[in-house]
Amino acid sequence: MKLQGMFRLPKNRKFGFTPRYYDEAKEDFEYRVARAKQEARAESGAEENDENYVPLRRGELRRSSRLLNSDTKSSNLRTIMILGILLMLAYWLFYS
């Protein structure tokens, strides 16, 4: 009989996480240096390429997402209002 095979539980998965050290001052310094180099190249008239790429600074994405969220909220509100007006119009057409 194979009753033991029916009740076999899966083994736990192991999770190996090695934390990395984050130095905010160093990242801020590297960001300012990269921006200064980019501005210097722009003033000298150098062409833009992949070397001029500067990654987003910590927190910039959050700020831009807040702006998008306010736009989405107003869009959602507008959609709900239109849906409400259409439902009231349909109710008025069917029951009057």
C-alpha atoms as a PDB file:
ATOM      1  CA  MET A   1       0.000   0.000   0.000  1.00  0.00           C
ATOM      2  CA  LYS A   2       1.178   3.495  -0.786  1.00  0.00           C
ATOM      3  CA  LEU A   3      -0.579   5.554   1.862  1.00  0.00           C
ATOM      4  CA  GLN A   4       2.658   7.167   2.924  1.00  0.00           C
ATOM      5  CA  GLY A   5       3.154   8.764  -0.497  1.00  0.00           C
ATOM      6  CA  MET A   6      -0.200  10.518  -0.367  1.00  0.00           C
ATOM      7  CA  PHE A   7       0.604  12.380   2.820  1.00  0.00           C
ATOM      8  CA  ARG A   8       4.147  13.427   2.021  1.00  0.00           C
ATOM      9  CA  LEU A   9       4.668  17.118   2.781  1.00  0.00           C
ATOM     10  CA  PRO A  10       6.994  19.307   0.726  1.00  0.00           C
ATOM     11  CA  LYS A  11      10.270  20.295   2.337  1.00  0.00           C
ATOM     12  CA  ASN A  12      10.815  23.884   3.409  1.00  0.00           C
ATOM     13  CA  ARG A  13      12.638  26.114   0.991  1.00  0.00           C
ATOM     14  CA  LYS A  14      15.801  27.752   2.232  1.00  0.00           C
ATOM     15  CA  PHE A  15      16.183  31.482   1.931  1.00  0.00           C
ATOM     16  CA  GLY A  16      19.694  32.872   1.655  1.00  0.00           C
ATOM     17  CA  PHE A  17      19.769  36.643   1.965  1.00  0.00           C
ATOM     18  CA  THR A  18      23.015  38.529   2.362  1.00  0.00           C
ATOM     19  CA  PRO A  19      22.360  42.175   3.214  1.00  0.00           C
ATOM     20  CA  ARG A  20      24.380  44.852   1.443  1.00  0.00           C
ATOM     21  CA  TYR A  21      25.713  47.981   3.046  1.00  0.00           C
ATOM     22  CA  TYR A  22      24.079  51.189   1.835  1.00  0.00           C
ATOM     23  CA  ASP A  23      26.021  54.427   2.119  1.00  0.00           C
ATOM     24  CA  GLU A  24      23.684  57.329   1.366  1.00  0.00           C
ATOM     25  CA  ALA A  25      26.432  59.965   1.549  1.00  0.00           C
ATOM     26  CA  LYS A  26      28.545  58.090  -0.998  1.00  0.00           C
ATOM     27  CA  GLU A  27      25.596  57.663  -3.352  1.00  0.00           C
ATOM     28  CA  ASP A  28      24.704  61.348  -3.055  1.00  0.00           C
ATOM     29  CA  PHE A  29      28.327  62.316  -3.771  1.00  0.00           C
ATOM     30  CA  GLU A  30      28.485  60.033  -6.833  1.00  0.00           C
ATOM     31  CA  TYR A  31      25.193  61.469  -8.062  1.00  0.00           C
ATOM     32  CA  ARG A  32      26.452  65.063  -7.764  1.00  0.00           C
ATOM     33  CA  VAL A  33      29.734  64.186  -9.533  1.00  0.00           C
ATOM     34  CA  ALA A  34      27.856  62.485 -12.382  1.00  0.00           C
ATOM     35  CA  ARG A  35      25.509  65.476 -12.743  1.00  0.00           C
ATOM     36  CA  ALA A  36      28.453  67.881 -12.792  1.00  0.00           C
ATOM     37  CA  LYS A  37      30.189  65.822 -15.491  1.00  0.00           C
ATOM     38  CA  GLN A  38      26.973  65.706 -17.497  1.00  0.00           C
ATOM     39  CA  GLU A  39      26.540  69.484 -17.254  1.00  0.00           C
ATOM     40  CA  ALA A  40      30.178  70.037 -18.244  1.00  0.00           C
ATOM     41  CA  ARG A  41      29.731  67.838 -21.318  1.00  0.00           C
ATOM     42  CA  ALA A  42      26.520  69.666 -22.205  1.00  0.00           C
ATOM     43  CA  GLU A  43      28.285  73.031 -21.992  1.00  0.00           C
ATOM     44  CA  SER A  44      31.204  71.838 -24.113  1.00  0.00           C
ATOM     45  CA  GLY A  45      28.789  70.557 -26.782  1.00  0.00           C
ATOM     46  CA  ALA A  46      29.586  66.856 -26.506  1.00  0.00           C
ATOM     47  CA  GLU A  47      27.027  64.446 -27.922  1.00  0.00           C
ATOM     48  CA  GLU A  48      24.873  62.430 -25.567  1.00  0.00           C
ATOM     49  CA  ASN A  49      25.337  58.678 -25.448  1.00  0.00           C
ATOM     50  CA  ASP A  50      25.137  55.820 -22.949  1.00  0.00           C
ATOM     51  CA  GLU A  51      28.063  57.234 -20.955  1.00  0.00           C
ATOM     52  CA  ASN A  52      25.939  60.234 -19.979  1.00  0.00           C
ATOM     53  CA  TYR A  53      23.317  58.017 -18.358  1.00  0.00           C
ATOM     54  CA  VAL A  54      22.746  58.945 -14.721  1.00  0.00           C
ATOM     55  CA  PRO A  55      20.455  56.636 -12.753  1.00  0.00           C
ATOM     56  CA  LEU A  56      17.534  58.026 -10.804  1.00  0.00           C
ATOM     57  CA  ARG A  57      18.388  59.288  -7.392  1.00  0.00           C
ATOM     58  CA  ARG A  58      16.733  57.705  -4.393  1.00  0.00           C
ATOM     59  CA  GLY A  59      13.336  59.332  -3.837  1.00  0.00           C
ATOM     60  CA  GLU A  60      12.948  60.877  -7.298  1.00  0.00           C
ATOM     61  CA  LEU A  61      10.767  58.011  -8.462  1.00  0.00           C
ATOM     62  CA  ARG A  62       8.517  58.423  -5.435  1.00  0.00           C
ATOM     63  CA  ARG A  63       8.057  62.124  -6.171  1.00  0.00           C
ATOM     64  CA  SER A  64       7.141  61.460  -9.781  1.00  0.00           C
ATOM     65  CA  SER A  65       4.765  58.660  -8.787  1.00  0.00           C
ATOM     66  CA  ARG A  66       2.920  61.055  -6.460  1.00  0.00           C
ATOM     67  CA  LEU A  67       2.225  63.302  -9.429  1.00  0.00           C
ATOM     68  CA  LEU A  68       0.953  60.347 -11.419  1.00  0.00           C
ATOM     69  CA  ASN A  69      -1.227  59.237  -8.514  1.00  0.00           C
ATOM     70  CA  SER A  70      -2.975  62.612  -8.373  1.00  0.00           C
ATOM     71  CA  ASP A  71      -3.701  62.368 -12.110  1.00  0.00           C
ATOM     72  CA  THR A  72      -5.031  58.833 -11.698  1.00  0.00           C
ATOM     73  CA  LYS A  73      -7.233  59.853  -8.786  1.00  0.00           C
ATOM     74  CA  SER A  74      -8.838  62.638 -10.805  1.00  0.00           C
ATOM     75  CA  SER A  75      -9.288  60.268 -13.745  1.00  0.00           C
ATOM     76  CA  ASN A  76     -10.913  57.664 -11.500  1.00  0.00           C
ATOM     77  CA  LEU A  77     -13.223  60.278 -10.002  1.00  0.00           C
ATOM     78  CA  ARG A  78     -14.245  61.456 -13.470  1.00  0.00           C
ATOM     79  CA  THR A  79     -14.954  57.862 -14.535  1.00  0.00           C
ATOM     80  CA  ILE A  80     -17.107  57.220 -11.463  1.00  0.00           C
ATOM     81  CA  MET A  81     -19.071  60.417 -12.039  1.00  0.00           C
ATOM     82  CA  ILE A  82     -19.736  59.526 -15.700  1.00  0.00           C
ATOM     83  CA  LEU A  83     -20.772  56.015 -14.699  1.00  0.00           C
ATOM     84  CA  GLY A  84     -23.152  57.438 -12.069  1.00  0.00           C
ATOM     85  CA  ILE A  85     -24.735  59.818 -14.577  1.00  0.00           C
ATOM     86  CA  LEU A  86     -25.190  57.006 -17.095  1.00  0.00           C
ATOM     87  CA  LEU A  87     -26.773  54.756 -14.451  1.00  0.00           C
ATOM     88  CA  MET A  88     -29.189  57.515 -13.415  1.00  0.00           C
ATOM     89  CA  LEU A  89     -30.070  58.120 -17.082  1.00  0.00           C
ATOM     90  CA  ALA A  90     -30.679  54.393 -17.646  1.00  0.00           C
ATOM     91  CA  TYR A  91     -32.853  54.202 -14.523  1.00  0.00           C
ATOM     92  CA  TRP A  92     -34.853  57.218 -15.690  1.00  0.00           C
ATOM     93  CA  LEU A  93     -35.344  55.693 -19.179  1.00  0.00           C
ATOM     94  CA  PHE A  94     -36.455  52.269 -17.905  1.00  0.00           C
ATOM     95  CA  TYR A  95     -38.686  53.313 -15.007  1.00  0.00           C
ATOM     96  CA  SER A  96     -40.451  56.431 -16.247  1.00  0.00           C
END
